[in-house]
Amino acid sequence: MITAIVLLSVEADRIPEVATAIADLEGVSEVYSVSGDVDLIAVVRVREFDQIADTVAGRLSKVAGVLHTETHIAFRAYSRLDLDATFDIGW
């Protein structure tokens, strides 16, 4: 599974509608409304790299109200469970 984190700048008055439209796209697993330099963060999970282009450039970036996207590909996932196992000294 390939995970991409997409940072989105969106027209301010359309954030809820854009978030809902993006959440409905195939390949998009989560959409977060956030504070800071961007308005939304979408998590895209697909099986092949070509699907990232289809999802982000082909559909997500074309949602009305999206002004700019910045996509980051995840190399490795770390979870609390993994970190707990790593630092467990057997006590």
PDB file of N, CA and C in Angstrom:
ATOM      1  N   MET A   1       0.847  -1.171   0.000  1.00  0.00           N
ATOM      2  CA  MET A   1       0.000   0.000   0.000  1.00  0.00           C
ATOM      3  C   MET A   1       0.894   1.237   0.000  1.00  0.00           C
ATOM      4  N   ILE A   2       0.607   2.164  -0.881  1.00  0.00           N
ATOM      5  CA  ILE A   2       1.340   3.423  -0.980  1.00  0.00           C
ATOM      6  C   ILE A   2       0.485   4.511  -0.345  1.00  0.00           C
ATOM      7  N   THR A   3       1.098   5.286   0.538  1.00  0.00           N
ATOM      8  CA  THR A   3       0.379   6.364   1.209  1.00  0.00           C
ATOM      9  C   THR A   3       0.957   7.698   0.769  1.00  0.00           C
ATOM     10  N   ALA A   4       0.075   8.607   0.397  1.00  0.00           N
ATOM     11  CA  ALA A   4       0.462   9.975   0.065  1.00  0.00           C
ATOM     12  C   ALA A   4      -0.300  10.916   0.982  1.00  0.00           C
ATOM     13  N   ILE A   5       0.406  11.926   1.464  1.00  0.00           N
ATOM     14  CA  ILE A   5      -0.218  12.961   2.282  1.00  0.00           C
ATOM     15  C   ILE A   5      -0.290  14.195   1.398  1.00  0.00           C
ATOM     16  N   VAL A   6      -1.499  14.714   1.205  1.00  0.00           N
ATOM     17  CA  VAL A   6      -1.695  15.836   0.295  1.00  0.00           C
ATOM     18  C   VAL A   6      -2.131  17.055   1.102  1.00  0.00           C
ATOM     19  N   LEU A   7      -1.329  18.108   1.030  1.00  0.00           N
ATOM     20  CA  LEU A   7      -1.647  19.378   1.683  1.00  0.00           C
ATOM     21  C   LEU A   7      -2.412  20.229   0.682  1.00  0.00           C
ATOM     22  N   LEU A   8      -3.536  20.796   1.104  1.00  0.00           N
ATOM     23  CA  LEU A   8      -4.388  21.542   0.183  1.00  0.00           C
ATOM     24  C   LEU A   8      -4.685  22.952   0.665  1.00  0.00           C
ATOM     25  N   SER A   9      -4.523  23.896  -0.238  1.00  0.00           N
ATOM     26  CA  SER A   9      -5.026  25.249  -0.018  1.00  0.00           C
ATOM     27  C   SER A   9      -6.345  25.330  -0.761  1.00  0.00           C
ATOM     28  N   VAL A  10      -7.356  25.865  -0.076  1.00  0.00           N
ATOM     29  CA  VAL A  10      -8.721  25.829  -0.587  1.00  0.00           C
ATOM     30  C   VAL A  10      -9.355  27.200  -0.395  1.00  0.00           C
ATOM     31  N   GLU A  11     -10.303  27.542  -1.266  1.00  0.00           N
ATOM     32  CA  GLU A  11     -11.065  28.777  -1.073  1.00  0.00           C
ATOM     33  C   GLU A  11     -11.708  28.731   0.309  1.00  0.00           C
ATOM     34  N   ALA A  12     -11.468  29.745   1.111  1.00  0.00           N
ATOM     35  CA  ALA A  12     -11.860  29.739   2.527  1.00  0.00           C
ATOM     36  C   ALA A  12     -13.344  29.485   2.748  1.00  0.00           C
ATOM     37  N   ASP A  13     -14.188  30.000   1.894  1.00  0.00           N
ATOM     38  CA  ASP A  13     -15.623  29.844   2.100  1.00  0.00           C
ATOM     39  C   ASP A  13     -16.162  28.505   1.589  1.00  0.00           C
ATOM     40  N   ARG A  14     -15.265  27.648   1.066  1.00  0.00           N
ATOM     41  CA  ARG A  14     -15.701  26.367   0.504  1.00  0.00           C
ATOM     42  C   ARG A  14     -15.058  25.167   1.198  1.00  0.00           C
ATOM     43  N   ILE A  15     -14.379  25.374   2.304  1.00  0.00           N
ATOM     44  CA  ILE A  15     -13.635  24.295   2.960  1.00  0.00           C
ATOM     45  C   ILE A  15     -14.518  23.076   3.271  1.00  0.00           C
ATOM     46  N   PRO A  16     -15.671  23.216   3.903  1.00  0.00           N
ATOM     47  CA  PRO A  16     -16.465  22.014   4.211  1.00  0.00           C
ATOM     48  C   PRO A  16     -16.905  21.246   2.960  1.00  0.00           C
ATOM     49  N   GLU A  17     -17.343  21.973   1.926  1.00  0.00           N
ATOM     50  CA  GLU A  17     -17.790  21.325   0.694  1.00  0.00           C
ATOM     51  C   GLU A  17     -16.645  20.633  -0.034  1.00  0.00           C
ATOM     52  N   VAL A  18     -15.492  21.281  -0.077  1.00  0.00           N
ATOM     53  CA  VAL A  18     -14.318  20.694  -0.729  1.00  0.00           C
ATOM     54  C   VAL A  18     -13.872  19.449   0.037  1.00  0.00           C
ATOM     55  N   ALA A  19     -13.841  19.532   1.361  1.00  0.00           N
ATOM     56  CA  ALA A  19     -13.428  18.388   2.181  1.00  0.00           C
ATOM     57  C   ALA A  19     -14.343  17.189   1.938  1.00  0.00           C
ATOM     58  N   THR A  20     -15.640  17.435   1.871  1.00  0.00           N
ATOM     59  CA  THR A  20     -16.600  16.360   1.636  1.00  0.00           C
ATOM     60  C   THR A  20     -16.415  15.752   0.246  1.00  0.00           C
ATOM     61  N   ALA A  21     -16.239  16.587  -0.757  1.00  0.00           N
ATOM     62  CA  ALA A  21     -16.044  16.098  -2.130  1.00  0.00           C
ATOM     63  C   ALA A  21     -14.770  15.263  -2.236  1.00  0.00           C
ATOM     64  N   ILE A  22     -13.699  15.711  -1.587  1.00  0.00           N
ATOM     65  CA  ILE A  22     -12.432  14.974  -1.632  1.00  0.00           C
ATOM     66  C   ILE A  22     -12.556  13.652  -0.878  1.00  0.00           C
ATOM     67  N   ALA A  23     -13.231  13.671   0.262  1.00  0.00           N
ATOM     68  CA  ALA A  23     -13.404  12.442   1.051  1.00  0.00           C
ATOM     69  C   ALA A  23     -14.148  11.371   0.266  1.00  0.00           C
ATOM     70  N   ASP A  24     -14.986  11.778  -0.682  1.00  0.00           N
ATOM     71  CA  ASP A  24     -15.755  10.835  -1.488  1.00  0.00           C
ATOM     72  C   ASP A  24     -14.967  10.238  -2.657  1.00  0.00           C
ATOM     73  N   LEU A  25     -13.756  10.740  -2.910  1.00  0.00           N
ATOM     74  CA  LEU A  25     -12.964  10.244  -4.038  1.00  0.00           C
ATOM     75  C   LEU A  25     -12.365   8.873  -3.731  1.00  0.00           C
ATOM     76  N   GLU A  26     -12.346   8.018  -4.736  1.00  0.00           N
ATOM     77  CA  GLU A  26     -11.707   6.710  -4.593  1.00  0.00           C
ATOM     78  C   GLU A  26     -10.217   6.907  -4.313  1.00  0.00           C
ATOM     79  N   GLY A  27      -9.703   6.194  -3.333  1.00  0.00           N
ATOM     80  CA  GLY A  27      -8.296   6.292  -2.956  1.00  0.00           C
ATOM     81  C   GLY A  27      -8.038   7.222  -1.793  1.00  0.00           C
ATOM     82  N   VAL A  28      -8.984   8.088  -1.480  1.00  0.00           N
ATOM     83  CA  VAL A  28      -8.831   9.016  -0.357  1.00  0.00           C
ATOM     84  C   VAL A  28      -9.401   8.341   0.880  1.00  0.00           C
ATOM     85  N   SER A  29      -8.543   8.134   1.891  1.00  0.00           N
ATOM     86  CA  SER A  29      -9.006   7.448   3.094  1.00  0.00           C
ATOM     87  C   SER A  29      -9.443   8.410   4.188  1.00  0.00           C
ATOM     88  N   GLU A  30      -8.841   9.591   4.244  1.00  0.00           N
ATOM     89  CA  GLU A  30      -9.168  10.555   5.288  1.00  0.00           C
ATOM     90  C   GLU A  30      -8.937  11.962   4.772  1.00  0.00           C
ATOM     91  N   VAL A  31      -9.710  12.910   5.299  1.00  0.00           N
ATOM     92  CA  VAL A  31      -9.505  14.333   5.030  1.00  0.00           C
ATOM     93  C   VAL A  31      -9.633  15.067   6.358  1.00  0.00           C
ATOM     94  N   TYR A  32      -8.648  15.911   6.643  1.00  0.00           N
ATOM     95  CA  TYR A  32      -8.648  16.671   7.889  1.00  0.00           C
ATOM     96  C   TYR A  32      -8.683  18.159   7.589  1.00  0.00           C
ATOM     97  N   SER A  33      -9.497  18.882   8.301  1.00  0.00           N
ATOM     98  CA  SER A  33      -9.469  20.329   8.298  1.00  0.00           C
ATOM     99  C   SER A  33      -8.444  20.714   9.366  1.00  0.00           C
ATOM    100  N   VAL A  34      -7.498  21.580   9.023  1.00  0.00           N
ATOM    101  CA  VAL A  34      -6.390  21.875   9.931  1.00  0.00           C
ATOM    102  C   VAL A  34      -6.128  23.379  10.023  1.00  0.00           C
ATOM    103  N   SER A  35      -5.368  23.758  11.040  1.00  0.00           N
ATOM    104  CA  SER A  35      -4.902  25.135  11.144  1.00  0.00           C
ATOM    105  C   SER A  35      -3.486  25.192  10.590  1.00  0.00           C
ATOM    106  N   GLY A  36      -3.038  26.387  10.284  1.00  0.00           N
ATOM    107  CA  GLY A  36      -1.671  26.538   9.789  1.00  0.00           C
ATOM    108  C   GLY A  36      -1.646  27.034   8.355  1.00  0.00           C
ATOM    109  N   ASP A  37      -0.608  26.656   7.626  1.00  0.00           N
ATOM    110  CA  ASP A  37      -0.379  27.166   6.272  1.00  0.00           C
ATOM    111  C   ASP A  37      -1.313  26.567   5.221  1.00  0.00           C
ATOM    112  N   VAL A  38      -1.943  25.452   5.527  1.00  0.00           N
ATOM    113  CA  VAL A  38      -2.872  24.826   4.581  1.00  0.00           C
ATOM    114  C   VAL A  38      -4.244  24.684   5.239  1.00  0.00           C
ATOM    115  N   ASP A  39      -5.240  24.410   4.424  1.00  0.00           N
ATOM    116  CA  ASP A  39      -6.611  24.326   4.929  1.00  0.00           C
ATOM    117  C   ASP A  39      -7.054  22.896   5.200  1.00  0.00           C
ATOM    118  N   LEU A  40      -6.611  21.968   4.336  1.00  0.00           N
ATOM    119  CA  LEU A  40      -6.997  20.575   4.454  1.00  0.00           C
ATOM    120  C   LEU A  40      -5.786  19.683   4.258  1.00  0.00           C
ATOM    121  N   ILE A  41      -5.832  18.507   4.863  1.00  0.00           N
ATOM    122  CA  ILE A  41      -4.839  17.466   4.609  1.00  0.00           C
ATOM    123  C   ILE A  41      -5.619  16.212   4.240  1.00  0.00           C
ATOM    124  N   ALA A  42      -5.286  15.648   3.083  1.00  0.00           N
ATOM    125  CA  ALA A  42      -5.928  14.410   2.640  1.00  0.00           C
ATOM    126  C   ALA A  42      -4.902  13.286   2.670  1.00  0.00           C
ATOM    127  N   VAL A  43      -5.338  12.118   3.105  1.00  0.00           N
ATOM    128  CA  VAL A  43      -4.488  10.929   3.096  1.00  0.00           C
ATOM    129  C   VAL A  43      -5.001  10.035   1.970  1.00  0.00           C
ATOM    130  N   VAL A  44      -4.099   9.753   1.034  1.00  0.00           N
ATOM    131  CA  VAL A  44      -4.435   8.922  -0.116  1.00  0.00           C
ATOM    132  C   VAL A  44      -3.716   7.592   0.048  1.00  0.00           C
ATOM    133  N   ARG A  45      -4.453   6.503  -0.069  1.00  0.00           N
ATOM    134  CA  ARG A  45      -3.861   5.169   0.036  1.00  0.00           C
ATOM    135  C   ARG A  45      -4.248   4.374  -1.205  1.00  0.00           C
ATOM    136  N   VAL A  46      -3.227   3.980  -1.984  1.00  0.00           N
ATOM    137  CA  VAL A  46      -3.450   3.252  -3.236  1.00  0.00           C
ATOM    138  C   VAL A  46      -2.438   2.116  -3.343  1.00  0.00           C
ATOM    139  N   ARG A  47      -2.649   1.231  -4.303  1.00  0.00           N
ATOM    140  CA  ARG A  47      -1.765   0.076  -4.478  1.00  0.00           C
ATOM    141  C   ARG A  47      -0.591   0.346  -5.402  1.00  0.00           C
ATOM    142  N   GLU A  48      -0.731   1.270  -6.361  1.00  0.00           N
ATOM    143  CA  GLU A  48       0.314   1.526  -7.347  1.00  0.00           C
ATOM    144  C   GLU A  48       0.580   3.022  -7.464  1.00  0.00           C
ATOM    145  N   PHE A  49       1.827   3.374  -7.823  1.00  0.00           N
ATOM    146  CA  PHE A  49       2.205   4.781  -7.936  1.00  0.00           C
ATOM    147  C   PHE A  49       1.362   5.528  -8.965  1.00  0.00           C
ATOM    148  N   ASP A  50       1.026   4.872 -10.076  1.00  0.00           N
ATOM    149  CA  ASP A  50       0.215   5.525 -11.099  1.00  0.00           C
ATOM    150  C   ASP A  50      -1.125   5.991 -10.544  1.00  0.00           C
ATOM    151  N   GLN A  51      -1.631   5.286  -9.562  1.00  0.00           N
ATOM    152  CA  GLN A  51      -2.907   5.652  -8.969  1.00  0.00           C
ATOM    153  C   GLN A  51      -2.817   6.953  -8.173  1.00  0.00           C
ATOM    154  N   ILE A  52      -1.626   7.297  -7.705  1.00  0.00           N
ATOM    155  CA  ILE A  52      -1.458   8.580  -7.018  1.00  0.00           C
ATOM    156  C   ILE A  52      -1.706   9.710  -8.002  1.00  0.00           C
ATOM    157  N   ALA A  53      -1.121   9.612  -9.178  1.00  0.00           N
ATOM    158  CA  ALA A  53      -1.330  10.643 -10.204  1.00  0.00           C
ATOM    159  C   ALA A  53      -2.799  10.718 -10.592  1.00  0.00           C
ATOM    160  N   ASP A  54      -3.429   9.558 -10.785  1.00  0.00           N
ATOM    161  CA  ASP A  54      -4.848   9.540 -11.137  1.00  0.00           C
ATOM    162  C   ASP A  54      -5.688  10.214 -10.063  1.00  0.00           C
ATOM    163  N   THR A  55      -5.385   9.898  -8.806  1.00  0.00           N
ATOM    164  CA  THR A  55      -6.180  10.416  -7.699  1.00  0.00           C
ATOM    165  C   THR A  55      -5.906  11.893  -7.449  1.00  0.00           C
ATOM    166  N   VAL A  56      -4.622  12.259  -7.327  1.00  0.00           N
ATOM    167  CA  VAL A  56      -4.287  13.642  -6.955  1.00  0.00           C
ATOM    168  C   VAL A  56      -4.427  14.589  -8.143  1.00  0.00           C
ATOM    169  N   ALA A  57      -3.688  14.331  -9.205  1.00  0.00           N
ATOM    170  CA  ALA A  57      -3.720  15.246 -10.352  1.00  0.00           C
ATOM    171  C   ALA A  57      -4.999  15.092 -11.173  1.00  0.00           C
ATOM    172  N   GLY A  58      -5.487  13.871 -11.264  1.00  0.00           N
ATOM    173  CA  GLY A  58      -6.636  13.622 -12.110  1.00  0.00           C
ATOM    174  C   GLY A  58      -7.979  13.979 -11.505  1.00  0.00           C
ATOM    175  N   ARG A  59      -8.106  13.862 -10.193  1.00  0.00           N
ATOM    176  CA  ARG A  59      -9.405  14.108  -9.569  1.00  0.00           C
ATOM    177  C   ARG A  59      -9.351  15.133  -8.438  1.00  0.00           C
ATOM    178  N   LEU A  60      -8.504  14.896  -7.451  1.00  0.00           N
ATOM    179  CA  LEU A  60      -8.477  15.728  -6.255  1.00  0.00           C
ATOM    180  C   LEU A  60      -8.198  17.198  -6.585  1.00  0.00           C
ATOM    181  N   SER A  61      -7.181  17.451  -7.384  1.00  0.00           N
ATOM    182  CA  SER A  61      -6.817  18.843  -7.689  1.00  0.00           C
ATOM    183  C   SER A  61      -7.853  19.551  -8.552  1.00  0.00           C
ATOM    184  N   LYS A  62      -8.766  18.776  -9.155  1.00  0.00           N
ATOM    185  CA  LYS A  62      -9.794  19.360 -10.016  1.00  0.00           C
ATOM    186  C   LYS A  62     -11.106  19.643  -9.286  1.00  0.00           C
ATOM    187  N   VAL A  63     -11.156  19.332  -8.000  1.00  0.00           N
ATOM    188  CA  VAL A  63     -12.358  19.638  -7.218  1.00  0.00           C
ATOM    189  C   VAL A  63     -12.496  21.157  -7.138  1.00  0.00           C
ATOM    190  N   ALA A  64     -13.681  21.658  -7.442  1.00  0.00           N
ATOM    191  CA  ALA A  64     -13.926  23.102  -7.399  1.00  0.00           C
ATOM    192  C   ALA A  64     -13.600  23.645  -6.012  1.00  0.00           C
ATOM    193  N   GLY A  65     -12.796  24.694  -5.967  1.00  0.00           N
ATOM    194  CA  GLY A  65     -12.406  25.311  -4.704  1.00  0.00           C
ATOM    195  C   GLY A  65     -10.982  24.996  -4.293  1.00  0.00           C
ATOM    196  N   VAL A  66     -10.371  23.974  -4.894  1.00  0.00           N
ATOM    197  CA  VAL A  66      -8.971  23.645  -4.589  1.00  0.00           C
ATOM    198  C   VAL A  66      -8.083  24.642  -5.332  1.00  0.00           C
ATOM    199  N   LEU A  67      -7.225  25.322  -4.588  1.00  0.00           N
ATOM    200  CA  LEU A  67      -6.330  26.321  -5.173  1.00  0.00           C
ATOM    201  C   LEU A  67      -4.932  25.777  -5.426  1.00  0.00           C
ATOM    202  N   HIS A  68      -4.460  24.903  -4.525  1.00  0.00           N
ATOM    203  CA  HIS A  68      -3.080  24.412  -4.620  1.00  0.00           C
ATOM    204  C   HIS A  68      -2.972  23.099  -3.854  1.00  0.00           C
ATOM    205  N   THR A  69      -2.156  22.182  -4.386  1.00  0.00           N
ATOM    206  CA  THR A  69      -1.875  20.942  -3.667  1.00  0.00           C
ATOM    207  C   THR A  69      -0.371  20.744  -3.561  1.00  0.00           C
ATOM    208  N   GLU A  70       0.034  20.057  -2.518  1.00  0.00           N
ATOM    209  CA  GLU A  70       1.427  19.655  -2.328  1.00  0.00           C
ATOM    210  C   GLU A  70       1.391  18.224  -1.808  1.00  0.00           C
ATOM    211  N   THR A  71       1.998  17.309  -2.556  1.00  0.00           N
ATOM    212  CA  THR A  71       1.890  15.888  -2.244  1.00  0.00           C
ATOM    213  C   THR A  71       3.198  15.339  -1.697  1.00  0.00           C
ATOM    214  N   HIS A  72       3.103  14.592  -0.611  1.00  0.00           N
ATOM    215  CA  HIS A  72       4.248  13.940   0.017  1.00  0.00           C
ATOM    216  C   HIS A  72       3.988  12.437   0.038  1.00  0.00           C
ATOM    217  N   ILE A  73       4.962  11.655  -0.408  1.00  0.00           N
ATOM    218  CA  ILE A  73       4.841  10.202  -0.404  1.00  0.00           C
ATOM    219  C   ILE A  73       5.483   9.674   0.876  1.00  0.00           C
ATOM    220  N   ALA A  74       4.759   8.821   1.588  1.00  0.00           N
ATOM    221  CA  ALA A  74       5.276   8.234   2.829  1.00  0.00           C
ATOM    222  C   ALA A  74       6.168   7.044   2.501  1.00  0.00           C
ATOM    223  N   PHE A  75       7.331   6.972   3.120  1.00  0.00           N
ATOM    224  CA  PHE A  75       8.248   5.847   2.945  1.00  0.00           C
ATOM    225  C   PHE A  75       7.960   4.730   3.928  1.00  0.00           C
ATOM    226  N   ARG A  76       7.683   5.101   5.163  1.00  0.00           N
ATOM    227  CA  ARG A  76       7.507   4.122   6.226  1.00  0.00           C
ATOM    228  C   ARG A  76       6.521   4.686   7.245  1.00  0.00           C
ATOM    229  N   ALA A  77       5.730   3.813   7.832  1.00  0.00           N
ATOM    230  CA  ALA A  77       4.782   4.236   8.857  1.00  0.00           C
ATOM    231  C   ALA A  77       5.273   3.783  10.225  1.00  0.00           C
ATOM    232  N   TYR A  78       5.139   4.648  11.187  1.00  0.00           N
ATOM    233  CA  TYR A  78       5.473   4.331  12.570  1.00  0.00           C
ATOM    234  C   TYR A  78       4.215   4.546  13.395  1.00  0.00           C
ATOM    235  N   SER A  79       3.893   3.602  14.219  1.00  0.00           N
ATOM    236  CA  SER A  79       2.738   3.773  15.092  1.00  0.00           C
ATOM    237  C   SER A  79       3.191   3.633  16.534  1.00  0.00           C
ATOM    238  N   ARG A  80       2.345   4.035  17.443  1.00  0.00           N
ATOM    239  CA  ARG A  80       2.666   3.926  18.862  1.00  0.00           C
ATOM    240  C   ARG A  80       2.970   2.480  19.223  1.00  0.00           C
ATOM    241  N   LEU A  81       2.220   1.566  18.670  1.00  0.00           N
ATOM    242  CA  LEU A  81       2.443   0.150  18.930  1.00  0.00           C
ATOM    243  C   LEU A  81       3.849  -0.274  18.503  1.00  0.00           C
ATOM    244  N   ASP A  82       4.280   0.135  17.323  1.00  0.00           N
ATOM    245  CA  ASP A  82       5.625  -0.187  16.851  1.00  0.00           C
ATOM    246  C   ASP A  82       6.686   0.414  17.762  1.00  0.00           C
ATOM    247  N   LEU A  83       6.483   1.667  18.177  1.00  0.00           N
ATOM    248  CA  LEU A  83       7.461   2.329  19.036  1.00  0.00           C
ATOM    249  C   LEU A  83       7.514   1.667  20.407  1.00  0.00           C
ATOM    250  N   ASP A  84       6.364   1.268  20.947  1.00  0.00           N
ATOM    251  CA  ASP A  84       6.347   0.582  22.238  1.00  0.00           C
ATOM    252  C   ASP A  84       7.147  -0.715  22.158  1.00  0.00           C
ATOM    253  N   ALA A  85       6.985  -1.475  21.081  1.00  0.00           N
ATOM    254  CA  ALA A  85       7.715  -2.736  20.918  1.00  0.00           C
ATOM    255  C   ALA A  85       9.214  -2.480  20.775  1.00  0.00           C
ATOM    256  N   THR A  86       9.577  -1.421  20.088  1.00  0.00           N
ATOM    257  CA  THR A  86      10.976  -1.098  19.880  1.00  0.00           C
ATOM    258  C   THR A  86      11.686  -0.767  21.185  1.00  0.00           C
ATOM    259  N   PHE A  87      11.022  -0.034  22.070  1.00  0.00           N
ATOM    260  CA  PHE A  87      11.647   0.424  23.300  1.00  0.00           C
ATOM    261  C   PHE A  87      11.304  -0.430  24.513  1.00  0.00           C
ATOM    262  N   ASP A  88      10.639  -1.540  24.305  1.00  0.00           N
ATOM    263  CA  ASP A  88      10.289  -2.450  25.400  1.00  0.00           C
ATOM    264  C   ASP A  88      11.537  -3.144  25.905  1.00  0.00           C
ATOM    265  N   ILE A  89      11.825  -2.972  27.197  1.00  0.00           N
ATOM    266  CA  ILE A  89      13.016  -3.624  27.776  1.00  0.00           C
ATOM    267  C   ILE A  89      12.616  -4.822  28.640  1.00  0.00           C
ATOM    268  N   GLY A  90      11.340  -5.225  28.506  1.00  0.00           N
ATOM    269  CA  GLY A  90      10.892  -6.444  29.180  1.00  0.00           C
ATOM    270  C   GLY A  90      10.499  -6.278  30.620  1.00  0.00           C
ATOM    271  N   TRP A  91      10.169  -5.095  31.057  1.00  0.00           N
ATOM    272  CA  TRP A  91       9.753  -4.902  32.445  1.00  0.00           C
ATOM    273  C   TRP A  91       8.313  -5.162  32.592  1.00  0.00           C
TER     274      TRP A  91
END
